[in-house]
PDB file of N, CA and C in Angstrom:
ATOM      1  N   UNK A   1     -99.637  -9.404 -43.395  1.00  0.00           N
ATOM      2  CA  UNK A   1     -99.102 -10.679 -43.832  1.00  0.00           C
ATOM      3  C   UNK A   1     -97.781 -10.500 -44.567  1.00  0.00           C
ATOM      4  N   UNK A   2     -97.737  -9.507 -45.438  1.00  0.00           N
ATOM      5  CA  UNK A   2     -96.521  -9.262 -46.203  1.00  0.00           C
ATOM      6  C   UNK A   2     -95.372  -8.820 -45.287  1.00  0.00           C
ATOM      7  N   UNK A   3     -95.709  -7.965 -44.302  1.00  0.00           N
ATOM      8  CA  UNK A   3     -94.684  -7.493 -43.361  1.00  0.00           C
ATOM      9  C   UNK A   3     -94.144  -8.647 -42.528  1.00  0.00           C
ATOM     10  N   UNK A   4     -95.000  -9.558 -42.131  1.00  0.00           N
ATOM     11  CA  UNK A   4     -94.584 -10.712 -41.339  1.00  0.00           C
ATOM     12  C   UNK A   4     -93.647 -11.609 -42.148  1.00  0.00           C
ATOM     13  N   UNK A   5     -93.990 -11.816 -43.391  1.00  0.00           N
ATOM     14  CA  UNK A   5     -93.154 -12.638 -44.261  1.00  0.00           C
ATOM     15  C   UNK A   5     -91.780 -12.000 -44.455  1.00  0.00           C
ATOM     16  N   UNK A   6     -91.755 -10.700 -44.645  1.00  0.00           N
ATOM     17  CA  UNK A   6     -90.479  -9.991 -44.826  1.00  0.00           C
ATOM     18  C   UNK A   6     -89.646 -10.061 -43.550  1.00  0.00           C
ATOM     19  N   UNK A   7     -90.280  -9.884 -42.399  1.00  0.00           N
ATOM     20  CA  UNK A   7     -89.556  -9.961 -41.131  1.00  0.00           C
ATOM     21  C   UNK A   7     -88.981 -11.361 -40.902  1.00  0.00           C
ATOM     22  N   UNK A   8     -89.772 -12.384 -41.217  1.00  0.00           N
ATOM     23  CA  UNK A   8     -89.277 -13.763 -41.069  1.00  0.00           C
ATOM     24  C   UNK A   8     -88.103 -14.031 -42.002  1.00  0.00           C
ATOM     25  N   UNK A   9     -88.191 -13.529 -43.219  1.00  0.00           N
ATOM     26  CA  UNK A   9     -87.111 -13.710 -44.178  1.00  0.00           C
ATOM     27  C   UNK A   9     -85.839 -13.014 -43.707  1.00  0.00           C
ATOM     28  N   UNK A  10     -85.964 -11.805 -43.190  1.00  0.00           N
ATOM     29  CA  UNK A  10     -84.797 -11.079 -42.675  1.00  0.00           C
ATOM     30  C   UNK A  10     -84.192 -11.793 -41.466  1.00  0.00           C
ATOM     31  N   UNK A  11     -85.045 -12.315 -40.598  1.00  0.00           N
ATOM     32  CA  UNK A  11     -84.549 -13.047 -39.435  1.00  0.00           C
ATOM     33  C   UNK A  11     -83.804 -14.303 -39.865  1.00  0.00           C
ATOM     34  N   UNK A  12     -84.341 -15.008 -40.857  1.00  0.00           N
ATOM     35  CA  UNK A  12     -83.692 -16.211 -41.358  1.00  0.00           C
ATOM     36  C   UNK A  12     -82.339 -15.885 -41.982  1.00  0.00           C
ATOM     37  N   UNK A  13     -82.287 -14.820 -42.763  1.00  0.00           N
ATOM     38  CA  UNK A  13     -81.016 -14.418 -43.372  1.00  0.00           C
ATOM     39  C   UNK A  13     -79.998 -14.024 -42.310  1.00  0.00           C
ATOM     40  N   UNK A  14     -80.437 -13.381 -41.252  1.00  0.00           N
ATOM     41  CA  UNK A  14     -79.529 -13.003 -40.163  1.00  0.00           C
ATOM     42  C   UNK A  14     -78.952 -14.233 -39.481  1.00  0.00           C
ATOM     43  N   UNK A  15     -79.796 -15.223 -39.236  1.00  0.00           N
ATOM     44  CA  UNK A  15     -79.326 -16.455 -38.594  1.00  0.00           C
ATOM     45  C   UNK A  15     -78.338 -17.206 -39.479  1.00  0.00           C
ATOM     46  N   UNK A  16     -78.601 -17.244 -40.760  1.00  0.00           N
ATOM     47  CA  UNK A  16     -77.705 -17.935 -41.692  1.00  0.00           C
ATOM     48  C   UNK A  16     -76.348 -17.243 -41.729  1.00  0.00           C
ATOM     49  N   UNK A  17     -76.330 -15.922 -41.744  1.00  0.00           N
ATOM     50  CA  UNK A  17     -75.050 -15.202 -41.805  1.00  0.00           C
ATOM     51  C   UNK A  17     -74.269 -15.372 -40.513  1.00  0.00           C
ATOM     52  N   UNK A  18     -74.936 -15.390 -39.369  1.00  0.00           N
ATOM     53  CA  UNK A  18     -74.255 -15.600 -38.090  1.00  0.00           C
ATOM     54  C   UNK A  18     -73.685 -17.009 -38.021  1.00  0.00           C
ATOM     55  N   UNK A  19     -74.447 -17.997 -38.457  1.00  0.00           N
ATOM     56  CA  UNK A  19     -73.977 -19.385 -38.441  1.00  0.00           C
ATOM     57  C   UNK A  19     -72.777 -19.555 -39.364  1.00  0.00           C
ATOM     58  N   UNK A  20     -72.808 -18.916 -40.522  1.00  0.00           N
ATOM     59  CA  UNK A  20     -71.684 -18.992 -41.451  1.00  0.00           C
ATOM     60  C   UNK A  20     -70.434 -18.351 -40.895  1.00  0.00           C
ATOM     61  N   UNK A  21     -70.597 -17.251 -40.183  1.00  0.00           N
ATOM     62  CA  UNK A  21     -69.442 -16.565 -39.601  1.00  0.00           C
ATOM     63  C   UNK A  21     -68.802 -17.404 -38.503  1.00  0.00           C
ATOM     64  N   UNK A  22     -69.601 -18.143 -37.752  1.00  0.00           N
ATOM     65  CA  UNK A  22     -69.065 -18.951 -36.660  1.00  0.00           C
ATOM     66  C   UNK A  22     -68.306 -20.166 -37.166  1.00  0.00           C
ATOM     67  N   UNK A  23     -68.745 -20.773 -38.259  1.00  0.00           N
ATOM     68  CA  UNK A  23     -68.070 -21.970 -38.760  1.00  0.00           C
ATOM     69  C   UNK A  23     -66.878 -21.631 -39.636  1.00  0.00           C
ATOM     70  N   UNK A  24     -66.782 -20.427 -40.170  1.00  0.00           N
ATOM     71  CA  UNK A  24     -65.704 -20.043 -41.069  1.00  0.00           C
ATOM     72  C   UNK A  24     -64.357 -19.906 -40.383  1.00  0.00           C
ATOM     73  N   UNK A  25     -64.333 -19.680 -39.082  1.00  0.00           N
ATOM     74  CA  UNK A  25     -63.081 -19.469 -38.366  1.00  0.00           C
ATOM     75  C   UNK A  25     -62.157 -20.671 -38.409  1.00  0.00           C
ATOM     76  N   UNK A  26     -62.716 -21.867 -38.324  1.00  0.00           N
ATOM     77  CA  UNK A  26     -61.900 -23.073 -38.348  1.00  0.00           C
ATOM     78  C   UNK A  26     -61.220 -23.279 -39.691  1.00  0.00           C
ATOM     79  N   UNK A  27     -61.932 -22.964 -40.759  1.00  0.00           N
ATOM     80  CA  UNK A  27     -61.365 -23.098 -42.105  1.00  0.00           C
ATOM     81  C   UNK A  27     -60.246 -22.100 -42.307  1.00  0.00           C
ATOM     82  N   UNK A  28     -60.475 -20.874 -41.873  1.00  0.00           N
ATOM     83  CA  UNK A  28     -59.443 -19.836 -42.022  1.00  0.00           C
ATOM     84  C   UNK A  28     -58.180 -20.204 -41.243  1.00  0.00           C
ATOM     85  N   UNK A  29     -58.347 -20.757 -40.056  1.00  0.00           N
ATOM     86  CA  UNK A  29     -57.191 -21.156 -39.249  1.00  0.00           C
ATOM     87  C   UNK A  29     -56.441 -22.313 -39.910  1.00  0.00           C
ATOM     88  N   UNK A  30     -57.183 -23.248 -40.510  1.00  0.00           N
ATOM     89  CA  UNK A  30     -56.546 -24.385 -41.180  1.00  0.00           C
ATOM     90  C   UNK A  30     -55.733 -23.913 -42.381  1.00  0.00           C
ATOM     91  N   UNK A  31     -56.295 -22.997 -43.167  1.00  0.00           N
ATOM     92  CA  UNK A  31     -55.574 -22.470 -44.334  1.00  0.00           C
ATOM     93  C   UNK A  31     -54.351 -21.684 -43.881  1.00  0.00           C
ATOM     94  N   UNK A  32     -54.491 -20.878 -42.831  1.00  0.00           N
ATOM     95  CA  UNK A  32     -53.352 -20.106 -42.313  1.00  0.00           C
ATOM     96  C   UNK A  32     -52.236 -21.036 -41.827  1.00  0.00           C
ATOM     97  N   UNK A  33     -52.612 -22.144 -41.206  1.00  0.00           N
ATOM     98  CA  UNK A  33     -51.596 -23.105 -40.739  1.00  0.00           C
ATOM     99  C   UNK A  33     -50.858 -23.735 -41.914  1.00  0.00           C
ATOM    100  N   UNK A  34     -51.573 -24.047 -42.986  1.00  0.00           N
ATOM    101  CA  UNK A  34     -50.926 -24.609 -44.176  1.00  0.00           C
ATOM    102  C   UNK A  34     -49.991 -23.587 -44.821  1.00  0.00           C
ATOM    103  N   UNK A  35     -50.410 -22.315 -44.854  1.00  0.00           N
ATOM    104  CA  UNK A  35     -49.543 -21.267 -45.403  1.00  0.00           C
ATOM    105  C   UNK A  35     -48.270 -21.123 -44.568  1.00  0.00           C
ATOM    106  N   UNK A  36     -48.410 -21.204 -43.252  1.00  0.00           N
ATOM    107  CA  UNK A  36     -47.239 -21.110 -42.381  1.00  0.00           C
ATOM    108  C   UNK A  36     -46.299 -22.295 -42.585  1.00  0.00           C
ATOM    109  N   UNK A  37     -46.874 -23.476 -42.794  1.00  0.00           N
ATOM    110  CA  UNK A  37     -46.047 -24.659 -43.060  1.00  0.00           C
ATOM    111  C   UNK A  37     -45.276 -24.479 -44.359  1.00  0.00           C
ATOM    112  N   UNK A  38     -45.935 -23.941 -45.391  1.00  0.00           N
ATOM    113  CA  UNK A  38     -45.284 -23.686 -46.678  1.00  0.00           C
ATOM    114  C   UNK A  38     -44.139 -22.682 -46.500  1.00  0.00           C
ATOM    115  N   UNK A  39     -44.405 -21.588 -45.800  1.00  0.00           N
ATOM    116  CA  UNK A  39     -43.379 -20.561 -45.587  1.00  0.00           C
ATOM    117  C   UNK A  39     -42.195 -21.100 -44.790  1.00  0.00           C
ATOM    118  N   UNK A  40     -42.488 -21.885 -43.769  1.00  0.00           N
ATOM    119  CA  UNK A  40     -41.410 -22.466 -42.968  1.00  0.00           C
ATOM    120  C   UNK A  40     -40.546 -23.402 -43.810  1.00  0.00           C
ATOM    121  N   UNK A  41     -41.173 -24.163 -44.703  1.00  0.00           N
ATOM    122  CA  UNK A  41     -40.417 -25.039 -45.592  1.00  0.00           C
ATOM    123  C   UNK A  41     -39.525 -24.262 -46.536  1.00  0.00           C
ATOM    124  N   UNK A  42     -40.014 -23.106 -47.010  1.00  0.00           N
ATOM    125  CA  UNK A  42     -39.202 -22.264 -47.882  1.00  0.00           C
ATOM    126  C   UNK A  42     -38.062 -21.610 -47.113  1.00  0.00           C
ATOM    127  N   UNK A  43     -38.370 -21.092 -45.925  1.00  0.00           N
ATOM    128  CA  UNK A  43     -37.334 -20.404 -45.128  1.00  0.00           C
ATOM    129  C   UNK A  43     -36.177 -21.336 -44.768  1.00  0.00           C
ATOM    130  N   UNK A  44     -36.512 -22.560 -44.396  1.00  0.00           N
ATOM    131  CA  UNK A  44     -35.488 -23.495 -43.927  1.00  0.00           C
ATOM    132  C   UNK A  44     -34.977 -24.403 -45.038  1.00  0.00           C
ATOM    133  N   UNK A  45     -35.553 -24.234 -46.258  1.00  0.00           N
ATOM    134  CA  UNK A  45     -35.190 -25.075 -47.399  1.00  0.00           C
ATOM    135  C   UNK A  45     -35.370 -26.555 -47.044  1.00  0.00           C
ATOM    136  N   UNK A  46     -36.520 -26.840 -46.403  1.00  0.00           N
ATOM    137  CA  UNK A  46     -36.822 -28.194 -45.951  1.00  0.00           C
ATOM    138  C   UNK A  46     -37.922 -28.793 -46.831  1.00  0.00           C
ATOM    139  N   UNK A  47     -37.575 -29.662 -47.760  1.00  0.00           N
ATOM    140  CA  UNK A  47     -38.580 -30.242 -48.658  1.00  0.00           C
ATOM    141  C   UNK A  47     -39.600 -31.119 -47.944  1.00  0.00           C
ATOM    142  N   UNK A  48     -39.251 -31.647 -46.789  1.00  0.00           N
ATOM    143  CA  UNK A  48     -40.192 -32.503 -46.063  1.00  0.00           C
ATOM    144  C   UNK A  48     -41.411 -31.724 -45.560  1.00  0.00           C
ATOM    145  N   UNK A  49     -41.279 -30.424 -45.349  1.00  0.00           N
ATOM    146  CA  UNK A  49     -42.411 -29.610 -44.924  1.00  0.00           C
ATOM    147  C   UNK A  49     -43.329 -29.257 -46.086  1.00  0.00           C
ATOM    148  N   UNK A  50     -42.760 -29.093 -47.279  1.00  0.00           N
ATOM    149  CA  UNK A  50     -43.532 -28.664 -48.443  1.00  0.00           C
ATOM    150  C   UNK A  50     -44.176 -29.848 -49.162  1.00  0.00           C
ATOM    151  N   UNK A  51     -43.540 -30.987 -49.190  1.00  0.00           N
ATOM    152  CA  UNK A  51     -44.009 -32.144 -49.968  1.00  0.00           C
ATOM    153  C   UNK A  51     -45.461 -32.548 -49.678  1.00  0.00           C
ATOM    154  N   UNK A  52     -45.896 -32.602 -48.429  1.00  0.00           N
ATOM    155  CA  UNK A  52     -47.285 -33.024 -48.191  1.00  0.00           C
ATOM    156  C   UNK A  52     -48.318 -32.031 -48.713  1.00  0.00           C
ATOM    157  N   UNK A  53     -47.912 -30.825 -49.014  1.00  0.00           N
ATOM    158  CA  UNK A  53     -48.844 -29.805 -49.485  1.00  0.00           C
ATOM    159  C   UNK A  53     -49.046 -29.836 -50.992  1.00  0.00           C
ATOM    160  N   UNK A  54     -48.260 -30.644 -51.706  1.00  0.00           N
ATOM    161  CA  UNK A  54     -48.307 -30.673 -53.159  1.00  0.00           C
ATOM    162  C   UNK A  54     -48.973 -31.950 -53.664  1.00  0.00           C
ATOM    163  N   UNK A  55     -49.599 -31.846 -54.818  1.00  0.00           N
ATOM    164  CA  UNK A  55     -50.176 -33.010 -55.487  1.00  0.00           C
ATOM    165  C   UNK A  55     -49.051 -33.794 -56.163  1.00  0.00           C
ATOM    166  N   UNK A  56     -49.322 -35.008 -56.605  1.00  0.00           N
ATOM    167  CA  UNK A  56     -48.299 -35.823 -57.268  1.00  0.00           C
ATOM    168  C   UNK A  56     -47.807 -35.180 -58.559  1.00  0.00           C
ATOM    169  N   UNK A  57     -48.674 -34.556 -59.303  1.00  0.00           N
ATOM    170  CA  UNK A  57     -48.311 -33.845 -60.536  1.00  0.00           C
ATOM    171  C   UNK A  57     -48.685 -32.386 -60.340  1.00  0.00           C
ATOM    172  N   UNK A  58     -47.737 -31.478 -60.508  1.00  0.00           N
ATOM    173  CA  UNK A  58     -48.019 -30.061 -60.308  1.00  0.00           C
ATOM    174  C   UNK A  58     -47.524 -29.252 -61.498  1.00  0.00           C
ATOM    175  N   UNK A  59     -48.021 -28.037 -61.609  1.00  0.00           N
ATOM    176  CA  UNK A  59     -47.558 -27.092 -62.615  1.00  0.00           C
ATOM    177  C   UNK A  59     -46.840 -25.976 -61.873  1.00  0.00           C
ATOM    178  N   UNK A  60     -45.574 -25.776 -62.190  1.00  0.00           N
ATOM    179  CA  UNK A  60     -44.764 -24.745 -61.550  1.00  0.00           C
ATOM    180  C   UNK A  60     -44.705 -23.543 -62.481  1.00  0.00           C
ATOM    181  N   UNK A  61     -45.034 -22.364 -61.952  1.00  0.00           N
ATOM    182  CA  UNK A  61     -44.936 -21.136 -62.728  1.00  0.00           C
ATOM    183  C   UNK A  61     -43.846 -20.280 -62.115  1.00  0.00           C
ATOM    184  N   UNK A  62     -42.828 -19.981 -62.909  1.00  0.00           N
ATOM    185  CA  UNK A  62     -41.697 -19.179 -62.442  1.00  0.00           C
ATOM    186  C   UNK A  62     -42.049 -17.698 -62.473  1.00  0.00           C
ATOM    187  N   UNK A  63     -41.186 -16.870 -61.898  1.00  0.00           N
ATOM    188  CA  UNK A  63     -41.420 -15.430 -61.828  1.00  0.00           C
ATOM    189  C   UNK A  63     -41.522 -14.798 -63.213  1.00  0.00           C
ATOM    190  N   UNK A  64     -40.842 -15.362 -64.200  1.00  0.00           N
ATOM    191  CA  UNK A  64     -40.883 -14.799 -65.556  1.00  0.00           C
ATOM    192  C   UNK A  64     -42.110 -15.268 -66.348  1.00  0.00           C
ATOM    193  N   UNK A  65     -42.990 -16.059 -65.713  1.00  0.00           N
ATOM    194  CA  UNK A  65     -44.211 -16.509 -66.367  1.00  0.00           C
ATOM    195  C   UNK A  65     -44.091 -17.864 -67.033  1.00  0.00           C
ATOM    196  N   UNK A  66     -42.904 -18.412 -67.104  1.00  0.00           N
ATOM    197  CA  UNK A  66     -42.712 -19.729 -67.710  1.00  0.00           C
ATOM    198  C   UNK A  66     -43.310 -20.789 -66.786  1.00  0.00           C
ATOM    199  N   UNK A  67     -44.038 -21.723 -67.381  1.00  0.00           N
ATOM    200  CA  UNK A  67     -44.624 -22.787 -66.570  1.00  0.00           C
ATOM    201  C   UNK A  67     -44.210 -24.146 -67.126  1.00  0.00           C
ATOM    202  N   UNK A  68     -44.163 -25.115 -66.230  1.00  0.00           N
ATOM    203  CA  UNK A  68     -43.800 -26.471 -66.620  1.00  0.00           C
ATOM    204  C   UNK A  68     -44.442 -27.459 -65.665  1.00  0.00           C
ATOM    205  N   UNK A  69     -44.763 -28.644 -66.182  1.00  0.00           N
ATOM    206  CA  UNK A  69     -45.310 -29.708 -65.348  1.00  0.00           C
ATOM    207  C   UNK A  69     -44.150 -30.488 -64.738  1.00  0.00           C
ATOM    208  N   UNK A  70     -44.321 -30.843 -63.471  1.00  0.00           N
ATOM    209  CA  UNK A  70     -43.278 -31.605 -62.794  1.00  0.00           C
ATOM    210  C   UNK A  70     -43.902 -32.620 -61.858  1.00  0.00           C
ATOM    211  N   UNK A  71     -43.130 -33.646 -61.546  1.00  0.00           N
ATOM    212  CA  UNK A  71     -43.515 -34.541 -60.469  1.00  0.00           C
ATOM    213  C   UNK A  71     -43.245 -33.826 -59.158  1.00  0.00           C
ATOM    214  N   UNK A  72     -44.022 -34.154 -58.151  1.00  0.00           N
ATOM    215  CA  UNK A  72     -43.867 -33.507 -56.850  1.00  0.00           C
ATOM    216  C   UNK A  72     -42.451 -33.690 -56.303  1.00  0.00           C
ATOM    217  N   UNK A  73     -41.930 -34.893 -56.365  1.00  0.00           N
ATOM    218  CA  UNK A  73     -40.612 -35.155 -55.777  1.00  0.00           C
ATOM    219  C   UNK A  73     -39.522 -34.357 -56.474  1.00  0.00           C
ATOM    220  N   UNK A  74     -39.589 -34.225 -57.789  1.00  0.00           N
ATOM    221  CA  UNK A  74     -38.586 -33.455 -58.523  1.00  0.00           C
ATOM    222  C   UNK A  74     -38.666 -31.986 -58.148  1.00  0.00           C
ATOM    223  N   UNK A  75     -39.858 -31.488 -57.974  1.00  0.00           N
ATOM    224  CA  UNK A  75     -40.042 -30.073 -57.634  1.00  0.00           C
ATOM    225  C   UNK A  75     -39.536 -29.792 -56.227  1.00  0.00           C
ATOM    226  N   UNK A  76     -39.856 -30.656 -55.292  1.00  0.00           N
ATOM    227  CA  UNK A  76     -39.471 -30.435 -53.900  1.00  0.00           C
ATOM    228  C   UNK A  76     -37.963 -30.505 -53.728  1.00  0.00           C
ATOM    229  N   UNK A  77     -37.328 -31.387 -54.454  1.00  0.00           N
ATOM    230  CA  UNK A  77     -35.877 -31.535 -54.318  1.00  0.00           C
ATOM    231  C   UNK A  77     -35.094 -30.439 -55.014  1.00  0.00           C
ATOM    232  N   UNK A  78     -35.761 -29.697 -55.877  1.00  0.00           N
ATOM    233  CA  UNK A  78     -35.098 -28.621 -56.623  1.00  0.00           C
ATOM    234  C   UNK A  78     -34.812 -27.463 -55.682  1.00  0.00           C
ATOM    235  N   UNK A  79     -33.596 -26.977 -55.651  1.00  0.00           N
ATOM    236  CA  UNK A  79     -33.247 -25.849 -54.780  1.00  0.00           C
ATOM    237  C   UNK A  79     -33.242 -24.567 -55.575  1.00  0.00           C
ATOM    238  N   UNK A  80     -33.832 -23.530 -54.989  1.00  0.00           N
ATOM    239  CA  UNK A  80     -33.885 -22.221 -55.652  1.00  0.00           C
ATOM    240  C   UNK A  80     -32.941 -21.267 -54.985  1.00  0.00           C
TER     241      UNK A  80
END
């Protein structure tokens, strides 16, 4: 009885891990697409590509560690 219960538990865990692996691919692709959109906006200095990825109020952290709150539109229009 104990062996049967352990085998069923292992089988259930195997099915759960396989199901999770199959559904995770779509999320990873969506995140990768958003990262590519962000990079393309930076490369081309195109604020229209970056703006939809930001919230209305954001916190910008510079390379030196300084952070500041900004409106999305002010941040996107700022050229670096």
